[in-house]
Protein backbone atom coordinates (compact mmCIF):
# COMPACT_ATOMS: atom_id res chain seq x y z
CA MET A 1 30.12 44.73 -27.28
CA LEU A 2 28.85 42.38 -29.92
CA LYS A 3 27.50 43.48 -33.29
CA ILE A 4 23.92 42.59 -34.16
CA HIS A 5 24.81 39.92 -36.68
CA GLN A 6 27.28 38.44 -34.20
CA LEU A 7 24.60 38.40 -31.53
CA PHE A 8 22.15 36.76 -33.93
CA PHE A 9 24.76 34.22 -35.02
CA ARG A 10 25.76 33.32 -31.47
CA THR A 11 22.11 33.15 -30.32
CA TYR A 12 20.98 30.88 -33.12
CA ILE A 13 24.02 28.69 -32.89
CA SER A 14 23.20 28.21 -29.17
CA ILE A 15 19.57 27.45 -30.03
CA PHE A 16 20.76 25.07 -32.73
CA ALA A 17 22.89 23.15 -30.21
CA ALA A 18 20.12 23.04 -27.58
CA ILE A 19 17.52 21.81 -30.07
CA LEU A 20 19.87 19.23 -31.57
CA ILE A 21 20.83 17.76 -28.21
CA THR A 22 17.23 17.72 -26.97
CA LEU A 23 15.83 16.13 -30.13
CA THR A 24 18.72 13.71 -30.27
CA LEU A 25 18.21 12.44 -26.74
CA VAL A 26 14.41 12.33 -26.88
CA THR A 27 14.30 10.73 -30.31
CA TYR A 28 16.96 8.23 -29.38
CA PHE A 29 15.24 6.90 -26.31
CA TRP A 30 11.82 7.04 -27.95
CA ALA A 31 13.04 5.15 -31.02
CA LYS A 32 15.00 2.72 -28.92
CA ASN A 33 11.91 1.87 -26.84
CA LEU A 34 9.84 1.34 -29.97
CA TYR A 35 12.53 -0.83 -31.49
CA LEU A 36 12.97 -2.87 -28.36
CA ASN A 37 9.23 -3.36 -28.00
CA GLN A 38 9.05 -4.65 -31.58
CA ILE A 39 12.01 -6.96 -30.95
CA GLU A 40 10.28 -8.21 -27.82
CA LYS A 41 7.02 -9.00 -29.69
CA ASN A 42 8.92 -10.82 -32.44
CA LEU A 43 10.91 -12.83 -29.91
CA ILE A 44 7.77 -13.84 -28.03
CA GLN A 45 6.11 -14.99 -31.25
CA ASN A 46 9.17 -17.03 -32.25
CA ILE A 47 9.37 -18.58 -28.77
CA ASP A 48 5.71 -19.60 -28.94
CA THR A 49 6.29 -21.21 -32.31
CA LEU A 50 9.42 -23.09 -31.09
CA SER A 51 7.55 -24.28 -27.95
CA ILE A 52 5.00 -25.99 -30.18
CA VAL A 53 7.84 -27.75 -32.03
CA LEU A 54 9.45 -28.85 -28.82
CA ASN A 55 6.20 -30.30 -27.47
CA GLU A 56 6.00 -32.50 -30.60
CA MET A 57 9.57 -33.81 -30.28
CA GLN A 58 10.40 -37.25 -28.85
CA ASP A 59 13.75 -36.26 -27.43
CA ILE A 60 14.33 -32.59 -26.49
CA TYR A 61 18.09 -33.17 -26.15
CA ASN A 62 18.34 -33.68 -29.95
CA ILE A 63 17.21 -30.15 -30.72
CA THR A 64 20.66 -28.69 -31.47
CA ASN A 65 20.31 -28.87 -35.25
CA ILE A 66 16.84 -27.25 -35.17
CA VAL A 67 18.18 -24.42 -33.01
CA LYS A 68 21.14 -23.78 -35.32
CA ASN A 69 18.88 -23.83 -38.42
CA LEU A 70 16.55 -21.33 -36.76
CA ARG A 71 19.61 -19.18 -36.01
CA THR A 72 20.35 -19.06 -39.72
CA GLU A 73 16.77 -18.26 -40.68
CA LEU A 74 15.88 -15.76 -38.01
CA ASN A 75 19.32 -14.26 -37.20
CA LEU A 76 18.56 -14.66 -33.49
CA ARG A 77 20.42 -16.25 -30.65
CA ILE A 78 18.44 -19.25 -29.32
CA THR A 79 19.17 -21.12 -26.07
CA ILE A 80 17.38 -24.05 -24.51
CA ILE A 81 17.88 -24.40 -20.72
CA ASN A 82 16.70 -27.14 -18.41
CA GLU A 83 15.09 -26.68 -14.96
CA ASP A 84 18.53 -26.67 -13.22
CA GLY A 85 19.81 -23.79 -15.40
CA LYS A 86 22.08 -26.02 -17.57
CA VAL A 87 22.22 -25.04 -21.27
CA ILE A 88 21.24 -28.03 -23.36
CA ALA A 89 21.16 -26.32 -26.77
CA GLU A 90 22.78 -23.11 -28.08
CA SER A 91 22.39 -21.62 -31.55
CA ASP A 92 25.75 -19.77 -31.64
CA LYS A 93 28.96 -21.73 -32.14
CA LEU A 94 29.77 -22.25 -28.53
CA GLU A 95 30.84 -25.32 -26.60
CA LEU A 96 28.05 -26.10 -24.08
CA SER A 97 30.66 -27.10 -21.52
CA ASP A 98 32.09 -23.53 -21.66
CA ILE A 99 28.72 -21.89 -20.92
CA ASN A 100 28.02 -21.00 -17.31
CA ASN A 101 24.88 -22.17 -15.51
CA HIS A 102 21.94 -19.85 -16.34
CA ALA A 103 19.79 -20.44 -13.26
CA ASN A 104 20.60 -16.99 -11.88
CA ARG A 105 20.03 -15.06 -15.13
CA VAL A 106 17.44 -12.33 -14.59
CA GLU A 107 15.20 -13.46 -17.44
CA ILE A 108 15.31 -17.09 -16.22
CA ILE A 109 14.42 -16.10 -12.62
CA GLN A 110 11.43 -14.05 -13.91
CA ALA A 111 10.28 -16.92 -16.17
CA ARG A 112 10.58 -19.34 -13.28
CA ASN A 113 8.33 -17.11 -11.12
CA VAL A 114 5.80 -15.74 -13.63
CA GLY A 115 6.23 -17.81 -16.80
CA MET A 116 7.94 -15.11 -18.91
CA GLY A 117 11.04 -13.00 -18.28
CA LYS A 118 13.21 -10.44 -20.09
CA ASP A 119 16.46 -8.59 -19.62
CA THR A 120 18.85 -6.36 -21.59
CA ARG A 121 22.54 -6.80 -20.98
CA LYS A 122 25.93 -7.53 -22.53
CA SER A 123 26.56 -11.20 -23.23
CA GLU A 124 29.52 -12.62 -21.26
CA THR A 125 30.34 -15.04 -24.04
CA LEU A 126 29.64 -13.02 -27.22
CA LYS A 127 30.60 -9.60 -25.78
CA LYS A 128 27.57 -7.96 -27.41
CA GLU A 129 24.42 -6.38 -25.93
CA PHE A 130 21.26 -8.45 -26.36
CA LEU A 131 17.60 -8.22 -25.46
CA TYR A 132 16.81 -11.60 -23.88
CA ILE A 133 13.27 -13.05 -23.68
CA ALA A 134 12.76 -16.35 -21.80
CA LYS A 135 9.62 -18.48 -21.45
CA LYS A 136 8.96 -21.49 -19.17
CA ILE A 137 7.47 -24.56 -20.82
CA THR A 138 6.64 -28.02 -19.55
CA ILE A 139 7.41 -31.10 -21.64
CA GLU A 140 6.65 -34.56 -20.27
CA ASN A 141 6.44 -33.18 -16.70
CA HIS A 142 9.90 -31.53 -17.07
CA ILE A 143 10.41 -27.82 -16.99
CA TYR A 144 12.51 -26.11 -19.70
CA TYR A 145 13.23 -22.53 -20.61
CA ILE A 146 13.31 -21.28 -24.22
CA ARG A 147 15.41 -18.14 -24.46
CA MET A 148 15.76 -16.04 -27.59
CA ALA A 149 17.87 -12.88 -27.92
CA ASP A 150 18.39 -10.18 -30.55
CA TYR A 151 21.10 -7.57 -30.95
CA THR A 152 20.25 -4.12 -29.62
CA ASN A 153 23.03 -2.31 -31.48
CA LYS A 154 20.96 -2.25 -34.69
CA ILE A 155 19.25 0.90 -33.41
CA THR A 156 22.54 2.80 -33.40
CA ASP A 157 23.00 2.30 -37.15
CA ASN A 158 19.46 3.41 -37.94
CA PHE A 159 19.66 6.28 -35.49
CA MET A 160 22.73 7.79 -37.14
CA LYS A 161 20.76 8.36 -40.33
CA LEU A 162 17.89 9.84 -38.44
CA THR A 163 20.22 12.15 -36.51
CA PHE A 164 21.93 13.30 -39.73
CA ASN A 165 18.53 14.15 -41.32
CA ILE A 166 17.48 16.14 -38.21
CA PHE A 167 20.81 17.94 -38.21
CA LEU A 168 20.38 19.04 -41.83
CA PHE A 169 16.87 20.22 -41.27
CA ILE A 170 17.70 22.33 -38.20
CA THR A 171 20.76 23.75 -39.92
CA PHE A 172 18.67 24.99 -42.80
CA PHE A 173 16.22 26.51 -40.35
CA LEU A 174 19.07 28.39 -38.58
CA ILE A 175 20.37 29.82 -41.83
CA ILE A 176 16.95 31.25 -42.59
CA ALA A 177 16.56 32.46 -39.00
CA PHE A 178 19.97 34.18 -39.09
CA LEU A 179 18.76 36.31 -42.02
CA ALA A 180 15.47 37.17 -40.31
CA THR A 181 14.59 40.53 -38.84
CA TYR A 182 15.02 41.79 -35.37
CA PHE A 183 11.30 41.34 -34.69
CA ILE A 184 11.58 37.63 -35.54
CA SER A 185 14.40 37.36 -33.04
CA ILE A 186 12.12 38.97 -30.44
CA ARG A 187 9.44 36.31 -31.11
CA ILE A 188 12.03 33.55 -30.94
CA LYS A 189 13.29 34.96 -27.65
CA LYS A 190 9.71 34.93 -26.37
CA GLU A 191 9.26 31.31 -27.43
CA ALA A 192 12.58 30.37 -25.82
CA ASP A 193 11.59 32.12 -22.60
CA SER A 194 8.34 30.18 -22.60
CA ILE A 195 10.18 26.89 -23.02
CA LEU A 196 12.67 27.86 -20.34
CA TYR A 197 9.86 28.67 -17.92
CA PHE A 198 8.11 25.40 -18.75
CA LEU A 199 11.32 23.45 -18.07
CA THR A 200 11.91 25.40 -14.85
CA GLN A 201 8.39 24.55 -13.65
CA LEU A 202 8.98 20.98 -14.65
CA SER A 203 12.33 20.72 -12.85
CA ASN A 204 10.73 22.16 -9.71
CA LYS A 205 7.99 19.51 -9.93
CA LYS A 206 5.29 22.12 -10.12
CA GLN A 207 2.04 21.66 -12.05
CA SER A 208 3.17 22.70 -15.56
CA PHE A 209 0.83 24.29 -18.04
CA PRO A 210 0.62 22.68 -21.54
CA LEU A 211 3.40 24.11 -23.64
CA ASN A 212 1.88 25.43 -26.89
CA SER A 213 3.80 26.90 -29.80
CA THR A 214 2.60 27.46 -33.39
CA TYR A 215 5.23 29.95 -34.46
CA THR A 216 7.34 27.42 -36.38
CA TYR A 217 7.12 23.70 -36.97
CA GLU A 218 10.33 23.18 -35.01
CA PHE A 219 9.01 24.93 -31.95
CA TYR A 220 5.75 23.00 -32.32
CA LYS A 221 7.65 19.72 -32.34
CA ILE A 222 9.78 20.77 -29.41
CA ALA A 223 6.67 21.73 -27.44
CA LYS A 224 4.99 18.46 -28.31
CA LEU A 225 8.01 16.42 -27.26
CA LEU A 226 8.43 18.42 -24.05
CA ASN A 227 4.77 17.94 -23.25
CA LYS A 228 5.30 14.18 -23.71
CA VAL A 229 8.31 14.35 -21.40
CA ALA A 230 6.26 16.31 -18.88
CA ILE A 231 3.44 13.72 -19.02
CA LYS A 232 5.91 10.86 -18.60
CA LEU A 233 7.55 12.59 -15.64
CA SER A 234 4.14 13.30 -14.13
CA LYS A 235 3.20 9.63 -14.48
CA LYS A 236 6.51 8.56 -12.93
CA GLU A 237 5.91 10.98 -10.03
CA ARG A 238 2.44 9.52 -9.51
CA GLN A 239 3.88 6.04 -9.70
CA LYS A 240 6.51 7.04 -7.16
CA SER A 241 3.76 8.39 -4.86
CA LYS A 242 1.83 5.19 -5.25
CA GLN A 243 4.92 3.14 -4.50
CA THR A 244 5.54 5.23 -1.41
CA ALA A 245 1.98 4.71 -0.35
CA LYS A 246 2.38 0.90 -0.91
CA LEU A 247 5.51 0.84 1.22
CA LYS A 248 3.74 2.71 4.00
CA LEU A 249 0.81 0.28 3.69
CA ALA A 250 3.15 -2.66 3.81
CA ASN A 251 4.85 -1.30 6.96
CA ARG A 252 1.46 -0.74 8.52
CA GLN A 253 0.36 -4.25 7.56
CA LYS A 254 3.46 -5.68 9.15
CA ASP A 255 2.71 -3.81 12.36
CA GLU A 256 -0.85 -5.03 12.18
CA ILE A 257 0.10 -8.68 11.62
CA ILE A 258 2.61 -8.51 14.51
CA SER A 259 -0.04 -7.01 16.68
CA ALA A 260 -2.62 -9.56 15.55
CA LEU A 261 -0.18 -12.42 16.16
CA SER A 262 0.58 -11.15 19.62
CA HIS A 263 -3.17 -10.98 20.32
CA GLU A 264 -3.84 -14.45 18.90
CA PHE A 265 -0.94 -16.09 20.67
CA LYS A 266 -1.40 -14.29 23.99
CA ASN A 267 -4.43 -16.26 25.19
CA PRO A 268 -3.27 -19.81 24.26
CA ILE A 269 0.20 -19.07 25.64
CA ALA A 270 -1.29 -17.81 28.91
CA ILE A 271 -3.47 -20.90 29.19
CA ILE A 272 -0.55 -23.29 28.40
CA SER A 273 1.71 -21.45 30.83
CA GLY A 274 -0.91 -21.30 33.60
CA TYR A 275 -2.10 -24.90 33.42
CA SER A 276 1.47 -26.31 33.08
CA GLU A 277 2.63 -24.25 36.08
CA THR A 278 -0.32 -25.49 38.11
CA ILE A 279 0.47 -29.11 37.26
CA LEU A 280 4.15 -28.66 38.15
CA ASN A 281 3.39 -26.95 41.49
CA ASP A 282 0.62 -29.26 42.65
CA GLU A 283 1.99 -32.75 43.02
CA GLN A 284 -1.17 -33.90 44.78
CA MET A 285 -3.50 -32.90 41.98
CA PRO A 286 -6.11 -35.56 41.13
CA GLN A 287 -5.42 -37.41 37.90
CA ALA A 288 -8.80 -36.40 36.40
CA MET A 289 -8.09 -32.72 36.91
CA LYS A 290 -4.54 -33.17 35.61
CA ASN A 291 -5.90 -34.84 32.44
CA LYS A 292 -8.36 -31.98 32.01
CA PHE A 293 -5.54 -29.41 32.27
CA LEU A 294 -3.39 -31.42 29.82
CA ARG A 295 -6.22 -31.48 27.31
CA LYS A 296 -6.52 -27.68 27.69
CA ILE A 297 -2.80 -27.36 27.04
CA GLN A 298 -3.03 -29.68 23.98
CA THR A 299 -6.05 -27.81 22.55
CA ASN A 300 -4.30 -24.44 22.76
CA ALA A 301 -1.10 -25.83 21.35
CA ILE A 302 -3.07 -27.14 18.39
CA LYS A 303 -4.73 -23.71 18.01
CA MET A 304 -1.27 -22.06 17.84
CA SER A 305 -0.16 -24.67 15.31
CA HIS A 306 -3.19 -23.89 13.17
CA ILE A 307 -2.34 -20.16 13.24
CA ILE A 308 1.21 -20.91 12.16
CA ASP A 309 0.02 -23.24 9.38
CA LYS A 310 -2.32 -20.49 8.13
CA LEU A 311 0.58 -17.99 8.01
CA ARG A 312 2.77 -20.48 6.18
CA LEU A 313 0.03 -21.14 3.63
CA THR A 314 -0.38 -17.39 3.19
CA LEU A 315 3.32 -16.97 2.35
CA LYS A 316 3.21 -19.88 -0.14
CA LEU A 317 0.16 -18.46 -1.84
CA GLU A 318 1.63 -14.95 -1.96
CA GLU A 319 4.92 -16.26 -3.50
CA GLY A 320 3.09 -18.58 -5.95
CA LYS A 321 4.75 -21.68 -4.56
CA GLN A 322 1.63 -23.55 -3.57
CA GLU A 323 1.00 -26.49 -5.91
CA ILE A 324 -2.48 -27.84 -6.55
CA LEU A 325 -3.76 -31.35 -7.54
CA LEU A 326 -6.97 -31.06 -9.55
CA LEU A 327 -9.25 -34.10 -9.32
CA PRO A 328 -13.02 -34.53 -9.85
CA CYS A 329 -14.78 -33.93 -6.55
CA SER A 330 -18.38 -33.97 -5.36
CA MET A 331 -18.96 -30.53 -3.96
CA LYS A 332 -22.01 -31.71 -1.95
CA LYS A 333 -19.88 -34.37 -0.21
CA LEU A 334 -17.02 -31.88 0.35
CA ILE A 335 -19.36 -29.34 1.91
CA ASP A 336 -21.04 -31.99 4.05
CA ASN A 337 -17.59 -32.93 5.44
CA CYS A 338 -16.85 -29.25 6.16
CA VAL A 339 -20.19 -28.86 7.94
CA SER A 340 -19.58 -32.03 9.95
CA ASP A 341 -16.25 -30.72 11.21
CA LEU A 342 -17.72 -27.31 12.08
CA ASN A 343 -20.70 -28.87 13.92
CA ASP A 344 -18.22 -30.36 16.40
CA LYS A 345 -16.96 -26.90 17.12
CA TYR A 346 -20.24 -24.99 16.96
CA LYS A 347 -22.57 -27.59 18.54
CA ASN A 348 -25.59 -25.32 19.04
CA ARG A 349 -25.58 -23.87 15.52
CA GLU A 350 -27.41 -24.98 12.38
CA ILE A 351 -25.84 -25.16 8.96
CA ILE A 352 -28.28 -25.84 6.12
CA VAL A 353 -27.01 -27.19 2.79
CA LEU A 354 -29.36 -26.61 -0.21
CA GLY A 355 -29.14 -27.46 -3.90
CA GLU A 356 -28.15 -30.32 -6.13
CA ASP A 357 -24.72 -31.92 -6.19
CA ILE A 358 -22.13 -30.83 -8.77
CA THR A 359 -18.72 -32.32 -9.63
CA LEU A 360 -15.77 -30.00 -10.18
CA ASN A 361 -12.04 -30.51 -10.80
CA VAL A 362 -10.49 -29.00 -7.66
CA ASP A 363 -7.80 -29.49 -5.12
CA GLU A 364 -10.01 -30.95 -2.37
CA THR A 365 -7.79 -29.89 0.53
CA LEU A 366 -7.47 -26.26 -0.50
CA ILE A 367 -11.11 -25.84 -1.53
CA SER A 368 -12.26 -27.41 1.75
CA MET A 369 -10.14 -24.94 3.61
CA ALA A 370 -11.60 -21.99 1.62
CA ILE A 371 -15.24 -23.13 2.10
CA SER A 372 -14.72 -23.95 5.79
CA ASN A 373 -13.21 -20.50 6.31
CA LEU A 374 -16.24 -18.76 4.71
CA ILE A 375 -18.77 -20.87 6.66
CA GLU A 376 -16.91 -20.36 9.96
CA ASN A 377 -16.83 -16.60 9.41
CA ALA A 378 -20.60 -16.81 8.89
CA LEU A 379 -20.97 -18.70 12.12
CA LYS A 380 -18.79 -16.27 14.03
CA TYR A 381 -20.62 -13.16 13.01
CA SER A 382 -24.21 -14.30 13.02
CA GLU A 383 -26.48 -16.00 15.56
CA ASP A 384 -29.10 -17.52 13.22
CA GLU A 385 -28.63 -20.48 10.87
CA VAL A 386 -26.07 -20.38 8.06
CA ILE A 387 -27.26 -21.41 4.57
CA VAL A 388 -25.01 -22.99 1.96
CA LYS A 389 -26.53 -22.98 -1.54
CA ILE A 390 -25.10 -25.08 -4.36
CA ASN A 391 -26.05 -24.48 -8.00
CA GLU A 392 -24.43 -24.98 -11.42
CA ASN A 393 -22.66 -21.62 -11.36
CA SER A 394 -21.75 -20.93 -7.75
CA ILE A 395 -21.68 -21.93 -4.11
CA CYS A 396 -23.08 -19.22 -1.82
CA ILE A 397 -22.67 -18.97 1.98
CA ILE A 398 -25.43 -16.79 3.46
CA ASP A 399 -25.83 -15.51 7.02
CA LYS A 400 -28.08 -13.08 8.82
CA GLY A 401 -25.42 -11.63 11.06
CA ILE A 402 -23.95 -8.19 11.66
CA GLY A 403 -22.92 -7.77 8.00
CA ILE A 404 -20.27 -5.37 6.66
CA GLU A 405 -20.65 -1.67 6.05
CA ILE A 406 -20.71 -0.62 2.36
CA ASN A 407 -17.60 1.55 2.68
CA GLU A 408 -15.66 -1.44 4.04
CA LEU A 409 -16.54 -3.92 1.25
CA GLU A 410 -13.96 -2.57 -1.24
CA ASN A 411 -11.19 -3.00 1.35
CA ILE A 412 -12.13 -6.37 2.80
CA ASN A 413 -10.13 -8.40 0.30
CA GLN A 414 -6.86 -6.67 1.22
CA LYS A 415 -4.33 -8.85 3.02
CA PHE A 416 -4.35 -8.39 6.81
CA TYR A 417 -7.27 -5.91 6.54
CA ARG A 418 -9.57 -5.92 9.52
CA VAL A 419 -12.89 -4.18 9.86
CA SER A 420 -12.82 -2.45 13.24
CA ASN A 421 -16.18 -0.64 13.47
CA ASN A 422 -18.41 -3.66 13.88
CA GLY A 423 -16.21 -6.35 15.39
CA TRP A 424 -15.69 -8.14 12.08
CA ASN A 425 -11.93 -8.88 12.25
CA ASN A 426 -11.53 -11.60 9.60
CA SER A 427 -9.16 -13.77 11.73
CA LEU A 428 -5.82 -11.99 11.45
CA GLY A 429 -6.96 -10.53 8.14
CA LEU A 430 -5.61 -13.70 6.46
CA GLY A 431 -8.85 -15.59 5.99
CA LEU A 432 -10.20 -13.94 2.86
CA PHE A 433 -6.73 -13.49 1.46
CA ILE A 434 -6.25 -17.27 1.57
CA VAL A 435 -9.73 -17.81 0.15
CA GLN A 436 -9.07 -15.42 -2.75
CA SER A 437 -5.69 -16.95 -3.45
CA VAL A 438 -7.04 -20.54 -3.42
CA LEU A 439 -9.91 -19.56 -5.71
CA SER A 440 -7.52 -17.78 -8.06
CA LEU A 441 -5.45 -20.95 -8.39
CA HIS A 442 -8.64 -22.71 -9.55
CA ASN A 443 -9.67 -19.79 -11.84
CA PHE A 444 -12.67 -19.23 -9.56
CA SER A 445 -13.77 -15.85 -8.15
CA LEU A 446 -15.37 -14.60 -4.98
CA GLU A 447 -18.30 -12.14 -5.00
CA ILE A 448 -19.27 -10.44 -1.70
CA SER A 449 -22.47 -8.66 -1.00
CA SER A 450 -23.42 -7.39 2.46
CA GLU A 451 -25.61 -4.89 4.28
CA PHE A 452 -24.70 -3.70 7.71
CA GLU A 453 -26.81 -5.48 10.39
CA LYS A 454 -28.66 -7.45 7.71
CA GLY A 455 -26.22 -10.21 6.93
CA SER A 456 -23.71 -11.17 4.21
CA GLN A 457 -23.44 -13.39 1.20
CA PHE A 458 -20.16 -14.86 -0.08
CA CYS A 459 -20.46 -16.59 -3.47
CA ILE A 460 -17.72 -18.72 -5.10
CA LYS A 461 -18.18 -18.38 -8.89
CA TYR A 462 -16.78 -21.13 -11.11
């Protein structure tokens, strides 16, 4: 059986250890994140400055001296990499021939895809951990990557001082607490039980109540930090739920696209198979009828090819691999060409083009595809004339067809989404996704307004 002072001593020593470990871990990761965020901001600013210098240089392959001078001034590791991943300049004293190709570095892959990338890892050449930031730039139609890196081990030195100060503070608190009365120990036990219950609820992923403690400053800080941890865990749990929902949606979309493809291919394949089998089995078939059947086969083969082309374009747009060529283009002339092509397909329909001509810098092929898609959707889902209005701010396609229900409008831009209640199926669900992607490449936007059974209006804003 322990004496009271022994029990107090053991209890407070245990509390001391728990508080020290908790504060050490939480403070470390919190401070590290703040430090790394600051490093990242500084690196991005330095990269932007260096990119301006590079754009003004006549020969980028003569940048070695500049890079080494910057290394001295900024105490950063600086690397210039060409499009193939070859290092063409390095601030540290390394032979370029000894440096491996950087094309598969995480930060370079991210920069290649989205313009900016980052990664934290141990350098294979310098054997130290760095935070790497890389940015893609274009100089004289050639792509280069500026990569800057800073040491992450600086935080360890600063953190040791912080840990020592926290240790002294908590030690002083425990000495005072050891001399406190039995009633104070009861209150501390109550606070500890509250924290324990909070952590139990948190570990069981139950909805935790806010942990409040005003008994001492230390308990207040612990409660505050634990509340922050609880909030972060709650956010991560919500993010996890959202990610799970996205995965389920992606699987459902895959099933839908496979189903849609089967539906779209079924009819042309049946026609091609039927007409070709008829031609093969009937050797006495008149030439005129044979030509008619062959034209049917060709038409449906072209239709299948168009579906495949649309899917390929969708993948390119989704992966950001579709390049655009911006040239001045008369929108009136472009729309007239789209209308002319659609008139051949919808011979008994009227498409009215209103407004004055306007010239925009666009990729004519992609914009034609987007506008044709919107006009054809209007033709498919209305029986009256379709109006195309051109003005200085937008191009609007207006129909008086079946329209779209209000509760469906917010979902219509989703890839592969198809409205099922009113027959509006958006052609595999790819049509508006392609339109939105093409407009995004041009920094245009699409505004949709519709009222069920009263028509729709699709406006391209530029």
